[in-house]
Amino acid sequence: MTWEGPVAEKEEKVEFEGEVAEALGNGKYRIALDNGHETIGYTAGKMRRFRIRILPGDRIKVELSPYDLTRGRIVYRYR
């Protein structure tokens, strides 16, 4: 027996680029986005696993939820 009905899709993340303004404690950072806004971001799991260092002034890519644009995950650090 199969159930036919609407299947909930995963919500899409919104990606922004910006620059790390300040390093806070516990792997969190204050990020100045290119569009002029500011947000708090934390390092994503793979970045933490491979010990990728993030310093103030680094260019990064952040994933934000469309529901809460004040917090996000840092998913990429540009070289």
Protein backbone atom coordinates (compact mmCIF):
# COMPACT_ATOMS: atom_id res chain seq x y z
CA MET A 1 0.00 0.00 0.00
CA THR A 2 1.41 3.37 -0.97
CA TRP A 3 0.52 6.75 0.39
CA GLU A 4 0.02 9.37 -2.25
CA GLY A 5 0.05 12.97 -1.18
CA PRO A 6 2.17 16.08 -1.02
CA VAL A 7 5.76 15.39 -0.04
CA ALA A 8 7.44 18.05 2.09
CA GLU A 9 10.59 19.33 0.42
CA LYS A 10 13.61 20.55 2.31
CA GLU A 11 13.73 24.31 2.61
CA GLU A 12 16.23 26.01 0.37
CA LYS A 13 19.05 27.98 1.94
CA VAL A 14 19.95 31.48 0.83
CA GLU A 15 23.65 31.98 0.08
CA PHE A 16 25.47 35.28 0.61
CA GLU A 17 29.09 36.36 0.43
CA GLY A 18 30.76 38.61 2.93
CA GLU A 19 33.76 39.30 5.10
CA VAL A 20 34.50 38.24 8.67
CA ALA A 21 34.37 41.35 10.85
CA GLU A 22 35.07 39.83 14.27
CA ALA A 23 35.87 36.44 15.76
CA LEU A 24 33.59 35.65 18.69
CA GLY A 25 33.98 32.71 21.05
CA ASN A 26 33.13 29.06 20.41
CA GLY A 27 33.62 29.05 16.62
CA LYS A 28 31.22 31.93 15.92
CA TYR A 29 31.94 35.00 13.84
CA ARG A 30 30.36 38.39 13.15
CA ILE A 31 30.03 38.71 9.38
CA ALA A 32 29.54 41.85 7.28
CA LEU A 33 27.60 40.77 4.19
CA ASP A 34 28.13 42.37 0.78
CA ASN A 35 24.57 43.73 0.77
CA GLY A 36 25.32 45.86 3.87
CA HIS A 37 23.69 43.64 6.51
CA GLU A 38 25.43 41.99 9.43
CA THR A 39 24.92 38.45 10.73
CA ILE A 40 26.38 35.87 13.11
CA GLY A 41 27.84 32.73 11.57
CA TYR A 42 29.35 29.48 12.78
CA THR A 43 31.66 27.07 10.99
CA ALA A 44 29.98 24.21 9.15
CA GLY A 45 30.75 20.61 10.06
CA LYS A 46 33.23 19.84 7.27
CA MET A 47 35.13 23.07 7.92
CA ARG A 48 35.37 22.16 11.58
CA ARG A 49 36.34 18.57 10.76
CA PHE A 50 39.21 19.57 8.48
CA ARG A 51 40.24 22.41 10.82
CA ILE A 52 39.93 25.21 8.27
CA ARG A 53 40.97 28.41 10.01
CA ILE A 54 38.90 31.56 9.64
CA LEU A 55 40.35 34.93 10.62
CA PRO A 56 38.90 38.45 10.61
CA GLY A 57 39.20 39.88 7.11
CA ASP A 58 38.64 36.55 5.30
CA ARG A 59 36.14 36.42 2.43
CA ILE A 60 33.52 33.71 3.03
CA LYS A 61 30.26 32.22 1.73
CA VAL A 62 27.38 31.92 4.23
CA GLU A 63 24.16 29.88 4.08
CA LEU A 64 21.19 31.55 5.78
CA SER A 65 17.72 30.20 6.41
CA PRO A 66 14.95 32.26 4.79
CA TYR A 67 13.21 32.32 8.19
CA ASP A 68 16.09 33.71 10.27
CA LEU A 69 18.51 35.97 8.43
CA THR A 70 20.48 36.83 11.58
CA ARG A 71 22.27 33.45 11.90
CA GLY A 72 23.97 31.26 9.35
CA ARG A 73 26.59 28.62 8.57
CA ILE A 74 29.93 29.42 7.01
CA VAL A 75 30.30 26.91 4.19
CA TYR A 76 33.29 28.21 2.21
CA ARG A 77 36.37 30.36 2.76
CA TYR A 78 37.92 31.98 -0.31
CA ARG A 79 41.71 31.86 -0.69
